[in-house]
Amino acid sequence: MTEERKNSGEPFENERSTEKIVSSENMFSEKPTLEDIRSLQEEFSAERNWNQYHTPRNILLALVGEVGELSEIFQWKGEVKVGLPEFTEEEKKHVGQEMSDVLIYLVRLADRCKIDLPAAVLQKFEQNRHKYPAKKVYGKSDKYTAYE
C-alpha cells in the first residue's frame, strides 16, 4: 500500500483481515499501556491512603470535572481544526494535561468498577461495526437508528 493511500483518510483493507481501517499521521506511544496507567494510579493512591475515597461515584464525579476543564479550553474557540493549528504550544500542552487527567480518572473508574477496559473497548467496537455498517453509513453521521 502506498504512503499516499495510507494518509488519505479513506478506509482501506487491513492486510491482516477484511476490516476497514483509517490511517492517521498521529501515532500513540506504545507505553504506557492502560494496565501501566492502572498500576501507576493504584500505587499513587495507595502511597497517599486515598483508596478509601476512590469510590466509583467519587471517581466518576472527578472525571466529569476533568472533562469540564478540558471543555473550557475549547469553549470559545469556534470550530477547531484537526491538529489544533490555531492553538499556541502552551494551549496544546494544557489540552494534553487535561486529556491525561480524563484518561487517568477513566482508567481508575474502570479499575474501581472491576471493568476490563481494553476488553470492553474491543467489545464496543464490535457492537459499533454492527450498528454502523461501513457500506451503509460511509460519509454519514446519522444516529444508528436511522440505519435499522
N, C-alpha and C. Protein backbone atom coordinates (compact mmCIF):
# COMPACT_ATOMS: atom_id res chain seq x y z
N MET A 1 0.84 -1.17 0.00
CA MET A 1 0.00 0.00 0.00
C MET A 1 0.88 1.24 0.00
N THR A 2 0.52 2.20 -0.78
CA THR A 2 1.33 3.41 -0.88
C THR A 2 1.12 4.30 0.33
N GLU A 3 2.13 5.13 0.63
CA GLU A 3 2.01 6.09 1.73
C GLU A 3 0.88 7.07 1.44
N GLU A 4 0.72 7.45 0.17
CA GLU A 4 -0.35 8.38 -0.19
C GLU A 4 -1.71 7.79 0.17
N ARG A 5 -1.91 6.52 -0.11
CA ARG A 5 -3.18 5.84 0.20
C ARG A 5 -3.37 5.75 1.71
N LYS A 6 -2.31 5.42 2.44
CA LYS A 6 -2.39 5.30 3.89
C LYS A 6 -2.79 6.62 4.54
N ASN A 7 -2.28 7.72 4.02
CA ASN A 7 -2.53 9.03 4.63
C ASN A 7 -3.73 9.76 4.05
N SER A 8 -4.50 9.09 3.21
CA SER A 8 -5.62 9.76 2.55
C SER A 8 -6.81 9.99 3.48
N GLY A 9 -6.87 9.24 4.58
CA GLY A 9 -8.03 9.35 5.46
C GLY A 9 -9.20 8.50 5.01
N GLU A 10 -9.08 7.85 3.84
CA GLU A 10 -10.12 6.98 3.34
C GLU A 10 -9.92 5.58 3.91
N PRO A 11 -11.01 4.83 4.11
CA PRO A 11 -10.86 3.47 4.60
C PRO A 11 -10.10 2.62 3.59
N PHE A 12 -9.35 1.66 4.09
CA PHE A 12 -8.66 0.73 3.22
C PHE A 12 -8.65 -0.63 3.89
N GLU A 13 -8.37 -1.67 3.12
CA GLU A 13 -8.36 -3.02 3.66
C GLU A 13 -7.14 -3.21 4.54
N ASN A 14 -7.36 -3.77 5.71
CA ASN A 14 -6.27 -4.14 6.60
C ASN A 14 -5.64 -5.40 6.02
N GLU A 15 -4.33 -5.42 5.95
CA GLU A 15 -3.63 -6.55 5.36
C GLU A 15 -3.90 -7.86 6.10
N ARG A 16 -4.22 -7.79 7.40
CA ARG A 16 -4.41 -8.99 8.21
C ARG A 16 -5.86 -9.44 8.27
N SER A 17 -6.78 -8.65 7.79
CA SER A 17 -8.19 -9.02 7.86
C SER A 17 -8.95 -8.25 6.79
N THR A 18 -10.25 -8.45 6.78
CA THR A 18 -11.07 -7.74 5.80
C THR A 18 -11.67 -6.48 6.38
N GLU A 19 -11.38 -6.18 7.65
CA GLU A 19 -11.96 -4.96 8.23
C GLU A 19 -11.28 -3.73 7.68
N LYS A 20 -12.03 -2.66 7.61
CA LYS A 20 -11.51 -1.38 7.11
C LYS A 20 -10.88 -0.61 8.25
N ILE A 21 -9.76 0.04 7.97
CA ILE A 21 -9.13 0.90 8.95
C ILE A 21 -8.80 2.22 8.28
N VAL A 22 -8.62 3.25 9.06
CA VAL A 22 -8.27 4.56 8.54
C VAL A 22 -6.90 4.92 9.07
N SER A 23 -6.02 5.35 8.21
CA SER A 23 -4.68 5.72 8.61
C SER A 23 -4.67 7.11 9.20
N SER A 24 -3.67 7.37 10.01
CA SER A 24 -3.52 8.67 10.64
C SER A 24 -2.04 8.99 10.70
N GLU A 25 -1.73 10.27 10.58
CA GLU A 25 -0.33 10.67 10.71
C GLU A 25 0.11 10.61 12.16
N ASN A 26 -0.82 10.69 13.09
CA ASN A 26 -0.51 10.67 14.51
C ASN A 26 -0.54 9.24 15.02
N MET A 27 0.52 8.85 15.70
CA MET A 27 0.57 7.52 16.30
C MET A 27 0.81 7.70 17.79
N PHE A 28 0.14 6.88 18.60
CA PHE A 28 0.37 6.92 20.04
C PHE A 28 1.62 6.13 20.38
N SER A 29 2.22 6.48 21.49
CA SER A 29 3.33 5.71 22.04
C SER A 29 2.82 4.33 22.46
N GLU A 30 3.68 3.34 22.40
CA GLU A 30 3.29 2.00 22.84
C GLU A 30 3.17 1.92 24.36
N LYS A 31 3.87 2.76 25.06
CA LYS A 31 3.85 2.79 26.52
C LYS A 31 3.48 4.18 26.98
N PRO A 32 2.78 4.35 28.04
CA PRO A 32 2.28 3.30 28.91
C PRO A 32 0.99 2.67 28.36
N THR A 33 0.79 1.41 28.71
CA THR A 33 -0.45 0.74 28.36
C THR A 33 -1.52 1.14 29.37
N LEU A 34 -2.76 0.78 29.11
CA LEU A 34 -3.81 1.05 30.09
C LEU A 34 -3.51 0.33 31.40
N GLU A 35 -2.94 -0.86 31.32
CA GLU A 35 -2.56 -1.58 32.55
C GLU A 35 -1.47 -0.82 33.29
N ASP A 36 -0.52 -0.27 32.56
CA ASP A 36 0.52 0.55 33.21
C ASP A 36 -0.11 1.74 33.93
N ILE A 37 -1.05 2.40 33.28
CA ILE A 37 -1.71 3.56 33.89
C ILE A 37 -2.50 3.13 35.12
N ARG A 38 -3.20 2.00 35.01
CA ARG A 38 -3.96 1.48 36.15
C ARG A 38 -3.03 1.22 37.33
N SER A 39 -1.92 0.58 37.06
CA SER A 39 -0.96 0.24 38.11
C SER A 39 -0.33 1.49 38.72
N LEU A 40 0.05 2.45 37.88
CA LEU A 40 0.62 3.71 38.38
C LEU A 40 -0.36 4.44 39.28
N GLN A 41 -1.63 4.49 38.88
CA GLN A 41 -2.63 5.18 39.69
C GLN A 41 -2.90 4.44 40.99
N GLU A 42 -2.92 3.12 40.94
CA GLU A 42 -3.11 2.33 42.16
C GLU A 42 -1.99 2.61 43.15
N GLU A 43 -0.77 2.60 42.66
CA GLU A 43 0.39 2.88 43.51
C GLU A 43 0.33 4.31 44.06
N PHE A 44 0.02 5.27 43.20
CA PHE A 44 -0.08 6.67 43.58
C PHE A 44 -1.12 6.86 44.69
N SER A 45 -2.28 6.22 44.52
CA SER A 45 -3.35 6.34 45.51
C SER A 45 -3.00 5.65 46.82
N ALA A 46 -2.41 4.47 46.73
CA ALA A 46 -2.04 3.72 47.93
C ALA A 46 -1.00 4.48 48.75
N GLU A 47 -0.03 5.09 48.09
CA GLU A 47 1.01 5.86 48.80
C GLU A 47 0.42 7.03 49.58
N ARG A 48 -0.74 7.49 49.20
CA ARG A 48 -1.37 8.65 49.84
C ARG A 48 -2.58 8.27 50.69
N ASN A 49 -2.85 6.96 50.79
CA ASN A 49 -4.01 6.46 51.52
C ASN A 49 -5.31 7.06 50.98
N TRP A 50 -5.42 7.14 49.66
CA TRP A 50 -6.60 7.73 49.02
C TRP A 50 -7.61 6.69 48.54
N ASN A 51 -7.24 5.40 48.59
CA ASN A 51 -8.18 4.39 48.09
C ASN A 51 -9.52 4.47 48.80
N GLN A 52 -9.50 4.87 50.07
CA GLN A 52 -10.74 4.97 50.84
C GLN A 52 -11.72 5.98 50.22
N TYR A 53 -11.21 6.93 49.48
CA TYR A 53 -12.05 7.96 48.86
C TYR A 53 -12.41 7.63 47.41
N HIS A 54 -11.74 6.64 46.86
CA HIS A 54 -11.91 6.34 45.44
C HIS A 54 -13.06 5.36 45.21
N THR A 55 -14.25 5.79 45.57
CA THR A 55 -15.45 5.02 45.25
C THR A 55 -15.81 5.30 43.79
N PRO A 56 -16.53 4.40 43.15
CA PRO A 56 -16.92 4.68 41.77
C PRO A 56 -17.61 6.03 41.60
N ARG A 57 -18.51 6.39 42.52
CA ARG A 57 -19.20 7.67 42.42
C ARG A 57 -18.23 8.83 42.48
N ASN A 58 -17.32 8.82 43.44
CA ASN A 58 -16.36 9.92 43.58
C ASN A 58 -15.45 10.04 42.36
N ILE A 59 -15.01 8.90 41.86
CA ILE A 59 -14.14 8.91 40.68
C ILE A 59 -14.91 9.43 39.47
N LEU A 60 -16.15 9.00 39.31
CA LEU A 60 -16.96 9.48 38.19
C LEU A 60 -17.15 10.99 38.26
N LEU A 61 -17.44 11.52 39.43
CA LEU A 61 -17.62 12.96 39.56
C LEU A 61 -16.33 13.71 39.27
N ALA A 62 -15.20 13.16 39.70
CA ALA A 62 -13.91 13.78 39.40
C ALA A 62 -13.65 13.75 37.89
N LEU A 63 -14.01 12.64 37.24
CA LEU A 63 -13.86 12.51 35.79
C LEU A 63 -14.69 13.57 35.07
N VAL A 64 -15.92 13.75 35.48
CA VAL A 64 -16.79 14.76 34.86
C VAL A 64 -16.17 16.15 35.03
N GLY A 65 -15.61 16.42 36.20
CA GLY A 65 -14.94 17.70 36.43
C GLY A 65 -13.78 17.92 35.48
N GLU A 66 -13.00 16.87 35.25
CA GLU A 66 -11.86 16.98 34.34
C GLU A 66 -12.31 17.16 32.90
N VAL A 67 -13.39 16.50 32.51
CA VAL A 67 -13.94 16.71 31.16
C VAL A 67 -14.38 18.17 31.02
N GLY A 68 -14.94 18.72 32.08
CA GLY A 68 -15.32 20.14 32.07
C GLY A 68 -14.11 21.04 31.89
N GLU A 69 -13.01 20.72 32.58
CA GLU A 69 -11.79 21.53 32.44
C GLU A 69 -11.25 21.44 31.02
N LEU A 70 -11.30 20.26 30.42
CA LEU A 70 -10.88 20.10 29.03
C LEU A 70 -11.80 20.90 28.11
N SER A 71 -13.08 20.85 28.36
CA SER A 71 -14.05 21.58 27.54
C SER A 71 -13.83 23.08 27.59
N GLU A 72 -13.43 23.59 28.74
CA GLU A 72 -13.20 25.04 28.88
C GLU A 72 -12.14 25.55 27.91
N ILE A 73 -11.17 24.72 27.61
CA ILE A 73 -10.10 25.13 26.69
C ILE A 73 -10.67 25.40 25.30
N PHE A 74 -11.66 24.62 24.90
CA PHE A 74 -12.26 24.71 23.57
C PHE A 74 -13.47 25.64 23.53
N GLN A 75 -13.98 26.01 24.68
CA GLN A 75 -15.30 26.65 24.79
C GLN A 75 -15.53 27.82 23.84
N TRP A 76 -14.64 28.74 23.74
CA TRP A 76 -14.86 29.95 22.93
C TRP A 76 -13.97 30.00 21.70
N LYS A 77 -13.49 28.85 21.26
CA LYS A 77 -12.58 28.81 20.12
C LYS A 77 -13.30 28.73 18.77
N GLY A 78 -14.60 28.50 18.76
CA GLY A 78 -15.28 28.26 17.50
C GLY A 78 -14.92 26.86 17.02
N GLU A 79 -15.07 26.62 15.73
CA GLU A 79 -14.73 25.31 15.19
C GLU A 79 -13.21 25.13 15.24
N VAL A 80 -12.78 24.02 15.79
CA VAL A 80 -11.34 23.76 15.97
C VAL A 80 -10.90 22.73 14.93
N LYS A 81 -9.84 23.04 14.20
CA LYS A 81 -9.33 22.16 13.15
C LYS A 81 -8.49 21.03 13.73
N VAL A 82 -8.45 19.93 13.00
CA VAL A 82 -7.63 18.79 13.38
C VAL A 82 -6.19 19.24 13.52
N GLY A 83 -5.55 18.81 14.59
CA GLY A 83 -4.16 19.17 14.84
C GLY A 83 -4.00 20.45 15.65
N LEU A 84 -5.11 21.15 15.89
CA LEU A 84 -5.12 22.38 16.70
C LEU A 84 -4.16 23.43 16.17
N PRO A 85 -4.17 23.72 14.86
CA PRO A 85 -3.19 24.66 14.31
C PRO A 85 -3.29 26.07 14.86
N GLU A 86 -4.48 26.47 15.34
CA GLU A 86 -4.63 27.83 15.88
C GLU A 86 -4.23 27.92 17.35
N PHE A 87 -3.94 26.79 17.98
CA PHE A 87 -3.58 26.78 19.39
C PHE A 87 -2.09 27.10 19.56
N THR A 88 -1.77 27.78 20.63
CA THR A 88 -0.36 28.00 20.97
C THR A 88 0.20 26.70 21.52
N GLU A 89 1.51 26.62 21.59
CA GLU A 89 2.14 25.43 22.17
C GLU A 89 1.70 25.24 23.62
N GLU A 90 1.56 26.34 24.34
CA GLU A 90 1.11 26.27 25.74
C GLU A 90 -0.31 25.72 25.83
N GLU A 91 -1.18 26.15 24.91
CA GLU A 91 -2.56 25.64 24.89
C GLU A 91 -2.59 24.15 24.55
N LYS A 92 -1.76 23.74 23.59
CA LYS A 92 -1.70 22.32 23.24
C LYS A 92 -1.21 21.50 24.43
N LYS A 93 -0.23 22.01 25.15
CA LYS A 93 0.27 21.32 26.34
C LYS A 93 -0.85 21.20 27.37
N HIS A 94 -1.61 22.27 27.56
CA HIS A 94 -2.73 22.27 28.50
C HIS A 94 -3.77 21.23 28.09
N VAL A 95 -4.08 21.15 26.80
CA VAL A 95 -5.02 20.14 26.29
C VAL A 95 -4.52 18.75 26.66
N GLY A 96 -3.23 18.49 26.43
CA GLY A 96 -2.66 17.18 26.77
C GLY A 96 -2.75 16.87 28.25
N GLN A 97 -2.52 17.87 29.09
CA GLN A 97 -2.61 17.67 30.54
C GLN A 97 -4.04 17.32 30.95
N GLU A 98 -5.00 18.05 30.41
CA GLU A 98 -6.40 17.79 30.77
C GLU A 98 -6.87 16.45 30.21
N MET A 99 -6.44 16.10 28.99
CA MET A 99 -6.77 14.78 28.45
C MET A 99 -6.17 13.69 29.32
N SER A 100 -4.97 13.92 29.82
CA SER A 100 -4.33 12.95 30.71
C SER A 100 -5.15 12.76 31.98
N ASP A 101 -5.62 13.86 32.56
CA ASP A 101 -6.47 13.75 33.75
C ASP A 101 -7.72 12.92 33.45
N VAL A 102 -8.34 13.18 32.30
CA VAL A 102 -9.54 12.43 31.92
C VAL A 102 -9.22 10.95 31.79
N LEU A 103 -8.13 10.63 31.11
CA LEU A 103 -7.76 9.22 30.92
C LEU A 103 -7.44 8.55 32.25
N ILE A 104 -6.69 9.22 33.09
CA ILE A 104 -6.33 8.64 34.39
C ILE A 104 -7.59 8.33 35.20
N TYR A 105 -8.51 9.28 35.26
CA TYR A 105 -9.75 9.03 36.01
C TYR A 105 -10.61 7.96 35.36
N LEU A 106 -10.64 7.90 34.03
CA LEU A 106 -11.42 6.86 33.36
C LEU A 106 -10.85 5.48 33.67
N VAL A 107 -9.54 5.36 33.60
CA VAL A 107 -8.90 4.08 33.91
C VAL A 107 -9.12 3.73 35.38
N ARG A 108 -9.04 4.71 36.26
CA ARG A 108 -9.27 4.48 37.69
C ARG A 108 -10.71 4.04 37.93
N LEU A 109 -11.66 4.67 37.24
CA LEU A 109 -13.07 4.28 37.37
C LEU A 109 -13.26 2.83 36.93
N ALA A 110 -12.69 2.47 35.81
CA ALA A 110 -12.79 1.09 35.33
C ALA A 110 -12.20 0.13 36.35
N ASP A 111 -11.06 0.48 36.92
CA ASP A 111 -10.41 -0.36 37.92
C ASP A 111 -11.30 -0.53 39.15
N ARG A 112 -11.85 0.56 39.65
CA ARG A 112 -12.66 0.50 40.87
C ARG A 112 -14.01 -0.18 40.61
N CYS A 113 -14.46 -0.19 39.35
CA CYS A 113 -15.69 -0.91 38.98
C CYS A 113 -15.40 -2.35 38.56
N LYS A 114 -14.13 -2.72 38.53
CA LYS A 114 -13.70 -4.06 38.11
C LYS A 114 -14.12 -4.35 36.67
N ILE A 115 -13.92 -3.35 35.80
CA ILE A 115 -14.20 -3.48 34.37
C ILE A 115 -12.87 -3.58 33.64
N ASP A 116 -12.72 -4.60 32.81
CA ASP A 116 -11.53 -4.74 31.98
C ASP A 116 -11.72 -3.80 30.79
N LEU A 117 -11.19 -2.59 30.91
CA LEU A 117 -11.45 -1.55 29.92
C LEU A 117 -10.99 -1.92 28.51
N PRO A 118 -9.78 -2.45 28.32
CA PRO A 118 -9.40 -2.82 26.95
C PRO A 118 -10.35 -3.86 26.34
N ALA A 119 -10.79 -4.83 27.13
CA ALA A 119 -11.74 -5.83 26.61
C ALA A 119 -13.08 -5.17 26.29
N ALA A 120 -13.52 -4.26 27.15
CA ALA A 120 -14.79 -3.55 26.90
C ALA A 120 -14.71 -2.71 25.63
N VAL A 121 -13.55 -2.10 25.38
CA VAL A 121 -13.36 -1.29 24.16
C VAL A 121 -13.49 -2.18 22.92
N LEU A 122 -12.85 -3.33 22.95
CA LEU A 122 -12.94 -4.24 21.80
C LEU A 122 -14.37 -4.70 21.57
N GLN A 123 -15.09 -5.02 22.65
CA GLN A 123 -16.49 -5.41 22.52
C GLN A 123 -17.33 -4.28 21.94
N LYS A 124 -17.06 -3.06 22.38
CA LYS A 124 -17.81 -1.91 21.89
C LYS A 124 -17.56 -1.66 20.40
N PHE A 125 -16.30 -1.81 19.98
CA PHE A 125 -16.01 -1.66 18.55
C PHE A 125 -16.77 -2.71 17.74
N GLU A 126 -16.84 -3.92 18.24
CA GLU A 126 -17.57 -4.98 17.54
C GLU A 126 -19.05 -4.62 17.45
N GLN A 127 -19.63 -4.13 18.55
CA GLN A 127 -21.02 -3.67 18.53
C GLN A 127 -21.22 -2.56 17.50
N ASN A 128 -20.31 -1.60 17.49
CA ASN A 128 -20.43 -0.46 16.58
C ASN A 128 -20.30 -0.88 15.12
N ARG A 129 -19.52 -1.92 14.85
CA ARG A 129 -19.42 -2.41 13.47
C ARG A 129 -20.79 -2.88 12.97
N HIS A 130 -21.56 -3.49 13.87
CA HIS A 130 -22.89 -3.96 13.51
C HIS A 130 -23.90 -2.81 13.45
N LYS A 131 -23.78 -1.86 14.37
CA LYS A 131 -24.70 -0.72 14.39
C LYS A 131 -24.48 0.22 13.22
N TYR A 132 -23.22 0.33 12.80
CA TYR A 132 -22.85 1.29 11.75
C TYR A 132 -22.09 0.57 10.63
N PRO A 133 -22.77 -0.25 9.82
CA PRO A 133 -22.07 -0.94 8.73
C PRO A 133 -21.45 0.07 7.77
N ALA A 134 -20.19 -0.09 7.48
CA ALA A 134 -19.44 0.89 6.68
C ALA A 134 -20.12 1.19 5.34
N LYS A 135 -20.64 0.17 4.69
CA LYS A 135 -21.26 0.39 3.38
C LYS A 135 -22.53 1.23 3.47
N LYS A 136 -23.22 1.16 4.61
CA LYS A 136 -24.46 1.94 4.79
C LYS A 136 -24.18 3.35 5.27
N VAL A 137 -23.18 3.52 6.10
CA VAL A 137 -23.00 4.81 6.79
C VAL A 137 -21.86 5.65 6.26
N TYR A 138 -21.13 5.16 5.30
CA TYR A 138 -19.93 5.85 4.81
C TYR A 138 -20.25 7.31 4.46
N GLY A 139 -19.59 8.23 5.14
CA GLY A 139 -19.76 9.65 4.89
C GLY A 139 -21.00 10.26 5.53
N LYS A 140 -21.71 9.49 6.35
CA LYS A 140 -22.93 9.98 7.00
C LYS A 140 -22.71 10.03 8.51
N SER A 141 -23.48 10.87 9.19
CA SER A 141 -23.32 10.99 10.65
C SER A 141 -24.62 10.80 11.41
N ASP A 142 -25.58 10.11 10.81
CA ASP A 142 -26.87 9.89 11.48
C ASP A 142 -26.72 8.92 12.64
N LYS A 143 -27.68 8.99 13.57
CA LYS A 143 -27.72 8.04 14.67
C LYS A 143 -27.99 6.65 14.11
N TYR A 144 -27.53 5.62 14.82
CA TYR A 144 -27.64 4.26 14.32
C TYR A 144 -29.08 3.85 14.01
N THR A 145 -30.05 4.43 14.69
CA THR A 145 -31.45 4.07 14.44
C THR A 145 -31.89 4.43 13.02
N ALA A 146 -31.20 5.35 12.39
CA ALA A 146 -31.52 5.72 11.01
C ALA A 146 -31.14 4.61 10.02
N TYR A 147 -30.33 3.66 10.45
CA TYR A 147 -29.85 2.61 9.55
C TYR A 147 -30.51 1.26 9.82
N GLU A 148 -31.46 1.23 10.73
CA GLU A 148 -32.10 -0.05 11.08
C GLU A 148 -33.14 -0.43 10.06
